[in-house]
Amino acid sequence: MLSKKYRLPVQSFFAERSKTIKNSFFIVRFKENNLSFNRFGVLVSKKVSKKATRRNMLKRMVFNFIKANKLNKDSGAQKRFDALISLLPPTEKASGDEFSDCLGQVVGKMQQNK
């Protein structure tokens, strides 16, 4: 799990406009921030899975992907961003490799669109 410093307060994110990237498994909304690091938030609705344990596991998978790829750390880039990752219902049936591949593609597009 990411430390609280790198987690995005999801409720405050919707106040401003943001850019959007959509995939078959994810919707990623992002905007620039004035901090020295990136922040991430994850939304998993009950439409994805009715079981809270499964929703929490999916959320942990996203945060672990971010932590493993060091997306939250200072990478020398000049622009930093806040990103809100929403999971869509097909995510429930995706395998771990398929999940991380699609998430990697979406995050790559997000970094290119900054």
N, C-alpha and C. Protein backbone atom coordinates (compact mmCIF):
# COMPACT_ATOMS: atom_id res chain seq x y z
N MET A 1 0.84 -1.18 0.00
CA MET A 1 0.00 0.00 0.00
C MET A 1 0.89 1.24 0.00
N LEU A 2 0.44 2.25 -0.67
CA LEU A 2 1.18 3.51 -0.71
C LEU A 2 1.02 4.25 0.61
N SER A 3 2.02 5.04 0.97
CA SER A 3 1.88 5.85 2.16
C SER A 3 0.85 6.94 1.90
N LYS A 4 0.32 7.50 2.95
CA LYS A 4 -0.77 8.46 2.83
C LYS A 4 -0.36 9.70 2.03
N LYS A 5 0.90 10.03 2.06
CA LYS A 5 1.41 11.18 1.33
C LYS A 5 1.13 11.06 -0.17
N TYR A 6 1.21 9.85 -0.71
CA TYR A 6 1.06 9.62 -2.14
C TYR A 6 -0.36 9.25 -2.56
N ARG A 7 -1.28 9.17 -1.60
CA ARG A 7 -2.66 8.84 -1.93
C ARG A 7 -3.47 10.11 -2.13
N LEU A 8 -4.32 10.09 -3.10
CA LEU A 8 -5.13 11.24 -3.47
C LEU A 8 -6.42 11.24 -2.65
N PRO A 9 -6.78 12.38 -2.04
CA PRO A 9 -8.10 12.46 -1.39
C PRO A 9 -9.18 12.49 -2.47
N VAL A 10 -9.85 11.40 -2.67
CA VAL A 10 -10.75 11.19 -3.80
C VAL A 10 -11.90 12.20 -3.81
N GLN A 11 -12.43 12.56 -2.66
CA GLN A 11 -13.58 13.46 -2.61
C GLN A 11 -13.25 14.84 -3.18
N SER A 12 -12.03 15.30 -2.99
CA SER A 12 -11.68 16.64 -3.47
C SER A 12 -11.27 16.65 -4.95
N PHE A 13 -11.08 15.49 -5.53
CA PHE A 13 -10.60 15.42 -6.91
C PHE A 13 -11.63 15.89 -7.92
N PHE A 14 -12.89 15.67 -7.66
CA PHE A 14 -13.94 15.97 -8.64
C PHE A 14 -14.29 17.45 -8.72
N ALA A 15 -13.66 18.30 -7.91
CA ALA A 15 -13.98 19.73 -7.91
C ALA A 15 -13.52 20.42 -9.19
N GLU A 16 -12.45 19.95 -9.80
CA GLU A 16 -11.90 20.60 -10.99
C GLU A 16 -11.97 19.67 -12.20
N ARG A 17 -11.81 20.25 -13.38
CA ARG A 17 -11.79 19.46 -14.61
C ARG A 17 -10.49 18.69 -14.72
N SER A 18 -10.57 17.56 -15.38
CA SER A 18 -9.38 16.73 -15.56
C SER A 18 -9.42 16.05 -16.91
N LYS A 19 -8.28 15.59 -17.38
CA LYS A 19 -8.19 14.82 -18.62
C LYS A 19 -8.57 13.38 -18.32
N THR A 20 -9.08 12.67 -19.32
CA THR A 20 -9.56 11.31 -19.12
C THR A 20 -8.99 10.37 -20.17
N ILE A 21 -8.59 9.18 -19.72
CA ILE A 21 -8.19 8.09 -20.61
C ILE A 21 -9.02 6.89 -20.22
N LYS A 22 -9.62 6.25 -21.22
CA LYS A 22 -10.49 5.10 -20.95
C LYS A 22 -9.93 3.85 -21.61
N ASN A 23 -10.05 2.73 -20.92
CA ASN A 23 -9.60 1.44 -21.38
C ASN A 23 -10.75 0.47 -21.13
N SER A 24 -10.62 -0.78 -21.51
CA SER A 24 -11.69 -1.74 -21.25
C SER A 24 -11.80 -2.08 -19.76
N PHE A 25 -10.73 -1.86 -18.99
CA PHE A 25 -10.74 -2.17 -17.56
C PHE A 25 -10.72 -0.95 -16.67
N PHE A 26 -10.24 0.20 -17.16
CA PHE A 26 -10.01 1.36 -16.31
C PHE A 26 -10.48 2.66 -16.96
N ILE A 27 -10.82 3.62 -16.11
CA ILE A 27 -10.98 5.01 -16.51
C ILE A 27 -10.01 5.78 -15.63
N VAL A 28 -9.10 6.51 -16.25
CA VAL A 28 -8.11 7.28 -15.50
C VAL A 28 -8.35 8.76 -15.74
N ARG A 29 -8.60 9.49 -14.67
CA ARG A 29 -8.76 10.93 -14.74
C ARG A 29 -7.52 11.53 -14.08
N PHE A 30 -6.90 12.51 -14.73
CA PHE A 30 -5.69 13.09 -14.16
C PHE A 30 -5.58 14.57 -14.46
N LYS A 31 -4.87 15.26 -13.61
CA LYS A 31 -4.60 16.68 -13.77
C LYS A 31 -3.28 17.00 -13.09
N GLU A 32 -2.71 18.12 -13.45
CA GLU A 32 -1.43 18.52 -12.87
C GLU A 32 -1.62 18.96 -11.43
N ASN A 33 -0.56 18.79 -10.63
CA ASN A 33 -0.56 19.32 -9.28
C ASN A 33 0.71 20.14 -9.07
N ASN A 34 0.77 20.87 -7.99
CA ASN A 34 1.92 21.73 -7.70
C ASN A 34 2.85 21.11 -6.66
N LEU A 35 2.75 19.83 -6.47
CA LEU A 35 3.57 19.14 -5.49
C LEU A 35 4.83 18.58 -6.15
N SER A 36 5.71 18.04 -5.35
CA SER A 36 6.96 17.48 -5.90
C SER A 36 6.84 15.98 -6.14
N PHE A 37 5.63 15.44 -6.11
CA PHE A 37 5.41 14.01 -6.30
C PHE A 37 4.04 13.79 -6.91
N ASN A 38 3.81 12.59 -7.42
CA ASN A 38 2.51 12.21 -7.98
C ASN A 38 1.64 11.62 -6.88
N ARG A 39 0.33 11.79 -7.02
CA ARG A 39 -0.61 11.18 -6.08
C ARG A 39 -1.63 10.35 -6.87
N PHE A 40 -2.06 9.25 -6.28
CA PHE A 40 -3.00 8.35 -6.93
C PHE A 40 -4.16 8.01 -6.01
N GLY A 41 -5.34 7.87 -6.61
CA GLY A 41 -6.52 7.41 -5.91
C GLY A 41 -7.17 6.31 -6.73
N VAL A 42 -7.85 5.39 -6.05
CA VAL A 42 -8.49 4.27 -6.74
C VAL A 42 -9.94 4.17 -6.29
N LEU A 43 -10.84 4.03 -7.26
CA LEU A 43 -12.26 3.82 -6.99
C LEU A 43 -12.67 2.45 -7.52
N VAL A 44 -13.30 1.67 -6.68
CA VAL A 44 -13.83 0.37 -7.09
C VAL A 44 -15.26 0.31 -6.59
N SER A 45 -16.22 0.33 -7.49
CA SER A 45 -17.62 0.36 -7.09
C SER A 45 -18.16 -1.05 -6.87
N LYS A 46 -19.37 -1.11 -6.36
CA LYS A 46 -20.02 -2.40 -6.14
C LYS A 46 -20.43 -3.06 -7.45
N LYS A 47 -20.41 -2.31 -8.55
CA LYS A 47 -20.70 -2.91 -9.85
C LYS A 47 -19.57 -3.85 -10.26
N VAL A 48 -18.37 -3.58 -9.78
CA VAL A 48 -17.22 -4.44 -10.10
C VAL A 48 -17.35 -5.75 -9.36
N SER A 49 -17.59 -5.69 -8.07
CA SER A 49 -17.76 -6.90 -7.26
C SER A 49 -18.61 -6.55 -6.05
N LYS A 50 -19.51 -7.42 -5.71
CA LYS A 50 -20.35 -7.17 -4.55
C LYS A 50 -19.61 -7.43 -3.24
N LYS A 51 -18.53 -8.20 -3.31
CA LYS A 51 -17.78 -8.55 -2.11
C LYS A 51 -16.70 -7.49 -1.81
N ALA A 52 -16.73 -6.97 -0.60
CA ALA A 52 -15.77 -5.95 -0.21
C ALA A 52 -14.34 -6.49 -0.23
N THR A 53 -14.17 -7.75 0.09
CA THR A 53 -12.81 -8.32 0.10
C THR A 53 -12.22 -8.33 -1.29
N ARG A 54 -13.01 -8.61 -2.30
CA ARG A 54 -12.53 -8.61 -3.68
C ARG A 54 -12.23 -7.19 -4.15
N ARG A 55 -13.12 -6.23 -3.80
CA ARG A 55 -12.87 -4.83 -4.17
C ARG A 55 -11.59 -4.32 -3.53
N ASN A 56 -11.36 -4.66 -2.27
CA ASN A 56 -10.13 -4.24 -1.58
C ASN A 56 -8.90 -4.89 -2.20
N MET A 57 -9.03 -6.14 -2.62
CA MET A 57 -7.91 -6.82 -3.25
C MET A 57 -7.54 -6.14 -4.58
N LEU A 58 -8.55 -5.76 -5.36
CA LEU A 58 -8.30 -5.06 -6.62
C LEU A 58 -7.63 -3.71 -6.37
N LYS A 59 -8.09 -3.02 -5.34
CA LYS A 59 -7.50 -1.74 -5.00
C LYS A 59 -6.04 -1.92 -4.58
N ARG A 60 -5.75 -2.94 -3.80
CA ARG A 60 -4.37 -3.22 -3.39
C ARG A 60 -3.51 -3.59 -4.60
N MET A 61 -4.08 -4.29 -5.57
CA MET A 61 -3.33 -4.63 -6.78
C MET A 61 -2.91 -3.38 -7.53
N VAL A 62 -3.79 -2.39 -7.62
CA VAL A 62 -3.46 -1.14 -8.31
C VAL A 62 -2.37 -0.40 -7.55
N PHE A 63 -2.54 -0.27 -6.23
CA PHE A 63 -1.54 0.44 -5.44
C PHE A 63 -0.19 -0.28 -5.46
N ASN A 64 -0.20 -1.60 -5.46
CA ASN A 64 1.06 -2.34 -5.54
C ASN A 64 1.74 -2.16 -6.90
N PHE A 65 0.95 -2.06 -7.96
CA PHE A 65 1.51 -1.79 -9.29
C PHE A 65 2.19 -0.43 -9.30
N ILE A 66 1.54 0.56 -8.72
CA ILE A 66 2.10 1.91 -8.66
C ILE A 66 3.38 1.92 -7.86
N LYS A 67 3.36 1.24 -6.73
CA LYS A 67 4.54 1.19 -5.87
C LYS A 67 5.69 0.42 -6.52
N ALA A 68 5.39 -0.69 -7.18
CA ALA A 68 6.42 -1.51 -7.81
C ALA A 68 7.09 -0.78 -8.98
N ASN A 69 6.32 0.01 -9.71
CA ASN A 69 6.86 0.75 -10.85
C ASN A 69 7.35 2.14 -10.48
N LYS A 70 7.28 2.46 -9.19
CA LYS A 70 7.77 3.73 -8.65
C LYS A 70 7.18 4.93 -9.38
N LEU A 71 5.87 4.87 -9.64
CA LEU A 71 5.19 5.96 -10.33
C LEU A 71 4.96 7.15 -9.42
N ASN A 72 4.95 6.92 -8.10
CA ASN A 72 4.70 7.99 -7.16
C ASN A 72 5.95 8.78 -6.82
N LYS A 73 7.12 8.24 -7.08
CA LYS A 73 8.38 8.88 -6.68
C LYS A 73 8.79 9.96 -7.66
N ASP A 74 9.73 10.77 -7.24
CA ASP A 74 10.27 11.83 -8.08
C ASP A 74 11.11 11.20 -9.18
N SER A 75 10.66 11.34 -10.43
CA SER A 75 11.37 10.72 -11.55
C SER A 75 12.14 11.74 -12.38
N GLY A 76 12.23 12.97 -11.90
CA GLY A 76 12.94 13.99 -12.64
C GLY A 76 12.08 14.74 -13.65
N ALA A 77 10.86 14.30 -13.85
CA ALA A 77 9.97 14.99 -14.78
C ALA A 77 9.52 16.31 -14.15
N GLN A 78 9.24 17.28 -14.97
CA GLN A 78 8.89 18.59 -14.44
C GLN A 78 7.43 18.68 -14.04
N LYS A 79 6.57 17.94 -14.68
CA LYS A 79 5.15 17.99 -14.36
C LYS A 79 4.77 16.84 -13.45
N ARG A 80 4.04 17.13 -12.41
CA ARG A 80 3.51 16.13 -11.49
C ARG A 80 1.99 16.10 -11.68
N PHE A 81 1.37 14.99 -11.33
CA PHE A 81 -0.05 14.89 -11.56
C PHE A 81 -0.75 14.14 -10.43
N ASP A 82 -2.05 14.40 -10.31
CA ASP A 82 -2.95 13.64 -9.47
C ASP A 82 -3.75 12.76 -10.40
N ALA A 83 -3.86 11.48 -10.08
CA ALA A 83 -4.59 10.55 -10.95
C ALA A 83 -5.62 9.78 -10.14
N LEU A 84 -6.81 9.68 -10.68
CA LEU A 84 -7.88 8.90 -10.08
C LEU A 84 -8.18 7.74 -11.02
N ILE A 85 -7.96 6.53 -10.56
CA ILE A 85 -8.15 5.33 -11.37
C ILE A 85 -9.45 4.66 -10.94
N SER A 86 -10.42 4.59 -11.85
CA SER A 86 -11.69 3.93 -11.59
C SER A 86 -11.69 2.58 -12.31
N LEU A 87 -12.04 1.53 -11.59
CA LEU A 87 -12.08 0.20 -12.18
C LEU A 87 -13.47 -0.08 -12.72
N LEU A 88 -13.52 -0.71 -13.88
CA LEU A 88 -14.78 -1.06 -14.53
C LEU A 88 -15.11 -2.54 -14.28
N PRO A 89 -16.36 -2.94 -14.44
CA PRO A 89 -16.77 -4.32 -14.13
C PRO A 89 -15.99 -5.45 -14.79
N PRO A 90 -15.49 -5.33 -16.03
CA PRO A 90 -14.72 -6.45 -16.59
C PRO A 90 -13.42 -6.75 -15.81
N THR A 91 -12.99 -5.84 -14.97
CA THR A 91 -11.77 -6.03 -14.18
C THR A 91 -11.89 -7.24 -13.27
N GLU A 92 -13.08 -7.53 -12.81
CA GLU A 92 -13.31 -8.65 -11.89
C GLU A 92 -12.84 -9.98 -12.47
N LYS A 93 -13.01 -10.16 -13.76
CA LYS A 93 -12.69 -11.45 -14.37
C LYS A 93 -11.31 -11.48 -15.04
N ALA A 94 -10.56 -10.39 -14.95
CA ALA A 94 -9.24 -10.32 -15.59
C ALA A 94 -8.20 -11.08 -14.78
N SER A 95 -7.25 -11.67 -15.48
CA SER A 95 -6.14 -12.34 -14.79
C SER A 95 -5.15 -11.28 -14.31
N GLY A 96 -4.25 -11.66 -13.45
CA GLY A 96 -3.27 -10.73 -12.89
C GLY A 96 -2.38 -10.11 -13.94
N ASP A 97 -1.92 -10.92 -14.91
CA ASP A 97 -1.05 -10.40 -15.96
C ASP A 97 -1.80 -9.44 -16.87
N GLU A 98 -3.01 -9.81 -17.23
CA GLU A 98 -3.83 -8.96 -18.10
C GLU A 98 -4.14 -7.64 -17.41
N PHE A 99 -4.42 -7.72 -16.11
CA PHE A 99 -4.71 -6.55 -15.29
C PHE A 99 -3.52 -5.59 -15.29
N SER A 100 -2.33 -6.10 -15.01
CA SER A 100 -1.15 -5.22 -14.93
C SER A 100 -0.74 -4.70 -16.30
N ASP A 101 -0.91 -5.49 -17.36
CA ASP A 101 -0.59 -5.02 -18.71
C ASP A 101 -1.48 -3.84 -19.10
N CYS A 102 -2.79 -3.97 -18.88
CA CYS A 102 -3.71 -2.89 -19.23
C CYS A 102 -3.47 -1.65 -18.38
N LEU A 103 -3.17 -1.85 -17.11
CA LEU A 103 -2.88 -0.71 -16.24
C LEU A 103 -1.59 -0.02 -16.69
N GLY A 104 -0.60 -0.79 -17.09
CA GLY A 104 0.64 -0.22 -17.59
C GLY A 104 0.43 0.60 -18.85
N GLN A 105 -0.43 0.11 -19.75
CA GLN A 105 -0.74 0.84 -20.98
C GLN A 105 -1.42 2.17 -20.67
N VAL A 106 -2.38 2.15 -19.77
CA VAL A 106 -3.12 3.36 -19.43
C VAL A 106 -2.20 4.39 -18.75
N VAL A 107 -1.36 3.93 -17.85
CA VAL A 107 -0.44 4.84 -17.16
C VAL A 107 0.57 5.41 -18.15
N GLY A 108 1.01 4.60 -19.11
CA GLY A 108 1.93 5.10 -20.14
C GLY A 108 1.29 6.19 -20.98
N LYS A 109 0.02 6.01 -21.37
CA LYS A 109 -0.69 7.04 -22.12
C LYS A 109 -0.84 8.31 -21.29
N MET A 110 -1.09 8.13 -20.00
CA MET A 110 -1.28 9.27 -19.11
C MET A 110 0.02 10.09 -19.03
N GLN A 111 1.16 9.41 -18.93
CA GLN A 111 2.42 10.12 -18.83
C GLN A 111 2.78 10.81 -20.14
N GLN A 112 2.34 10.27 -21.27
CA GLN A 112 2.59 10.90 -22.56
C GLN A 112 1.72 12.15 -22.75
N ASN A 113 0.50 12.12 -22.19
CA ASN A 113 -0.45 13.24 -22.37
C ASN A 113 -0.21 14.39 -21.41
N LYS A 114 0.70 14.24 -20.49
CA LYS A 114 0.93 15.31 -19.52
C LYS A 114 1.20 16.57 -20.27
